[in-house]
Amino acid sequence: MPGNPKVRADIALLEDIDDELILSMFEEGRSKADICRGLGIGRRALDTWIADNDYEAKITRARVEAASHLACETLTIADGMDADNGQRDVQRIRTRQWLAERWDRKTYGADKAQSVNISIQGLRMEALRHVEVVEQLSTDQMPKLSTE
């Protein structure tokens, strides 16, 4: 980054840190902002470092692993729910479920399939209308066409 010495300094710091350490932070479920605070760098430097090293796929895999950890954590929270702070625990569970759904849609995402509603009464009425039309056509006398 030619015009931004802070970003260059942050990227240099990231280059000195073991890549696996940073990726493990993503696997723990830490946010980019939290990782940046922990390392003392800016968000722009982290994003540049990720793009320059083609780590998007590795971070996606790390997030999938983090989703599994979050799902297991919801069970621990649910098993240890406190009657006094039940709403707090429920909110903690919902937050972890939401993150797990976003980070691993294939495993934890809710299916958004289209719902189909069938009305038996509607089908019956449609069949009766069809029968009435067929009966009317079969009993009506069709006028003959004149050939004059």
Protein backbone atom coordinates (compact mmCIF):
# COMPACT_ATOMS: atom_id res chain seq x y z
CA MET A 1 0.00 0.00 0.00
CA PRO A 2 2.07 2.94 -1.24
CA GLY A 3 0.22 5.74 0.53
CA ASN A 4 -0.56 4.09 3.86
CA PRO A 5 2.41 3.30 6.12
CA LYS A 6 0.15 1.94 8.91
CA VAL A 7 -1.29 -0.72 6.60
CA ARG A 8 2.19 -1.63 5.33
CA ALA A 9 3.47 -1.94 8.90
CA ASP A 10 0.47 -4.11 9.87
CA ILE A 11 0.97 -6.38 6.85
CA ALA A 12 4.65 -6.74 7.74
CA LEU A 13 3.59 -7.74 11.26
CA LEU A 14 1.17 -10.31 9.84
CA GLU A 15 3.93 -11.76 7.65
CA ASP A 16 6.04 -12.34 10.79
CA ILE A 17 3.23 -14.22 12.57
CA ASP A 18 2.66 -17.91 11.87
CA ASP A 19 -0.22 -18.29 9.40
CA GLU A 20 -1.68 -21.21 11.33
CA LEU A 21 -1.98 -19.06 14.45
CA ILE A 22 -4.13 -16.54 12.61
CA LEU A 23 -6.21 -19.23 10.92
CA SER A 24 -6.74 -20.94 14.28
CA MET A 25 -8.27 -17.70 15.54
CA PHE A 26 -10.88 -17.95 12.79
CA GLU A 27 -11.42 -21.60 13.71
CA GLU A 28 -12.09 -20.58 17.31
CA GLY A 29 -14.96 -18.45 16.01
CA ARG A 30 -13.35 -15.08 16.63
CA SER A 31 -14.50 -12.19 14.47
CA LYS A 32 -12.16 -10.24 12.21
CA ALA A 33 -12.51 -7.24 14.50
CA ASP A 34 -11.58 -9.35 17.52
CA ILE A 35 -8.58 -10.80 15.70
CA CYS A 36 -7.44 -7.33 14.67
CA ARG A 37 -7.73 -6.06 18.26
CA GLY A 38 -5.84 -9.07 19.56
CA LEU A 39 -2.99 -8.64 17.09
CA GLY A 40 -2.98 -4.85 17.23
CA ILE A 41 -3.54 -4.38 13.50
CA GLY A 42 -6.13 -2.70 11.30
CA ARG A 43 -8.98 -4.47 9.51
CA ARG A 44 -7.77 -3.27 6.12
CA ALA A 45 -4.39 -4.91 6.66
CA LEU A 46 -5.99 -8.21 7.63
CA ASP A 47 -8.27 -8.15 4.58
CA THR A 48 -5.29 -7.35 2.32
CA TRP A 49 -3.21 -10.12 3.89
CA ILE A 50 -6.04 -12.64 3.38
CA ALA A 51 -6.52 -11.63 -0.27
CA ASP A 52 -2.77 -11.57 -1.04
CA ASN A 53 -2.25 -15.07 0.34
CA ASP A 54 -5.47 -16.58 -1.09
CA TYR A 55 -6.68 -17.63 2.35
CA GLU A 56 -10.41 -17.19 1.65
CA ALA A 57 -10.94 -20.94 1.18
CA LYS A 58 -8.96 -21.79 4.33
CA ILE A 59 -10.94 -19.25 6.33
CA THR A 60 -14.19 -20.71 5.01
CA ARG A 61 -13.09 -24.17 6.17
CA ALA A 62 -12.07 -22.70 9.53
CA ARG A 63 -15.52 -21.11 9.87
CA VAL A 64 -17.15 -24.49 9.18
CA GLU A 65 -15.10 -25.95 12.01
CA ALA A 66 -16.08 -23.00 14.23
CA ALA A 67 -19.74 -23.68 13.43
CA SER A 68 -19.36 -27.20 14.81
CA HIS A 69 -17.82 -25.80 17.99
CA LEU A 70 -20.69 -23.34 18.34
CA ALA A 71 -23.27 -26.11 17.90
CA CYS A 72 -21.62 -28.15 20.64
CA GLU A 73 -21.47 -25.08 22.85
CA THR A 74 -25.24 -24.63 22.52
CA LEU A 75 -25.71 -28.09 24.03
CA THR A 76 -23.48 -27.20 26.96
CA ILE A 77 -25.41 -23.97 27.54
CA ALA A 78 -28.76 -25.76 27.27
CA ASP A 79 -27.70 -28.50 29.69
CA GLY A 80 -26.55 -25.96 32.26
CA MET A 81 -29.44 -23.52 31.96
CA ASP A 82 -30.06 -21.51 35.08
CA ALA A 83 -33.66 -20.90 36.10
CA ASP A 84 -32.78 -17.38 37.19
CA ASN A 85 -31.14 -16.39 33.89
CA GLY A 86 -33.08 -18.56 31.46
CA GLN A 87 -33.65 -15.80 28.91
CA ARG A 88 -29.97 -14.94 28.85
CA ASP A 89 -29.08 -18.57 28.13
CA VAL A 90 -31.74 -18.82 25.44
CA GLN A 91 -30.33 -15.70 23.78
CA ARG A 92 -26.80 -17.14 23.94
CA ILE A 93 -28.05 -20.32 22.27
CA ARG A 94 -29.91 -18.41 19.54
CA THR A 95 -26.85 -16.31 18.78
CA ARG A 96 -24.65 -19.37 18.41
CA GLN A 97 -27.26 -21.10 16.25
CA TRP A 98 -27.48 -18.05 14.00
CA LEU A 99 -23.70 -17.94 13.55
CA ALA A 100 -23.50 -21.69 12.93
CA GLU A 101 -26.19 -21.37 10.24
CA ARG A 102 -24.25 -18.59 8.52
CA TRP A 103 -20.85 -20.25 8.73
CA ASP A 104 -22.00 -23.74 7.69
CA ARG A 105 -25.28 -23.55 5.80
CA LYS A 106 -24.96 -27.11 4.49
CA THR A 107 -24.99 -28.63 7.97
CA TYR A 108 -26.78 -26.13 10.20
CA GLY A 109 -28.75 -23.97 7.76
CA ALA A 110 -32.51 -24.07 7.76
CA ASP A 111 -34.03 -25.36 4.54
CA LYS A 112 -35.89 -22.65 2.71
CA ALA A 113 -37.89 -24.94 0.47
CA GLN A 114 -41.08 -23.66 -1.02
CA SER A 115 -44.17 -24.77 0.77
CA VAL A 116 -47.02 -26.27 -1.19
CA ASN A 117 -50.58 -25.97 0.09
CA ILE A 118 -53.19 -28.30 -1.29
CA SER A 119 -56.84 -27.73 -0.55
CA ILE A 120 -58.88 -30.91 -0.85
CA GLN A 121 -62.07 -28.86 -1.00
CA GLY A 122 -60.62 -26.76 -3.82
CA LEU A 123 -59.66 -29.89 -5.77
CA ARG A 124 -63.15 -31.33 -5.29
CA MET A 125 -64.82 -28.13 -6.51
CA GLU A 126 -62.55 -27.99 -9.56
CA ALA A 127 -63.41 -31.61 -10.41
CA LEU A 128 -67.15 -30.91 -10.09
CA ARG A 129 -66.87 -27.88 -12.40
CA HIS A 130 -65.01 -30.00 -14.93
CA VAL A 131 -67.71 -32.71 -14.80
CA GLU A 132 -70.46 -30.10 -15.31
CA VAL A 133 -68.71 -28.72 -18.40
CA VAL A 134 -68.24 -32.21 -19.88
CA GLU A 135 -71.91 -33.13 -19.24
CA GLN A 136 -73.10 -29.88 -20.80
CA LEU A 137 -71.01 -30.44 -23.89
CA SER A 138 -72.16 -34.04 -24.30
CA THR A 139 -75.90 -33.27 -24.00
CA ASP A 140 -76.09 -30.10 -26.09
CA GLN A 141 -77.16 -30.36 -29.64
CA MET A 142 -74.57 -28.89 -31.89
CA PRO A 143 -76.12 -26.83 -34.72
CA LYS A 144 -75.30 -28.17 -38.11
CA LEU A 145 -73.40 -25.98 -40.43
CA SER A 146 -75.23 -25.16 -43.60
CA THR A 147 -73.47 -25.92 -46.79
CA GLU A 148 -75.53 -23.55 -48.91
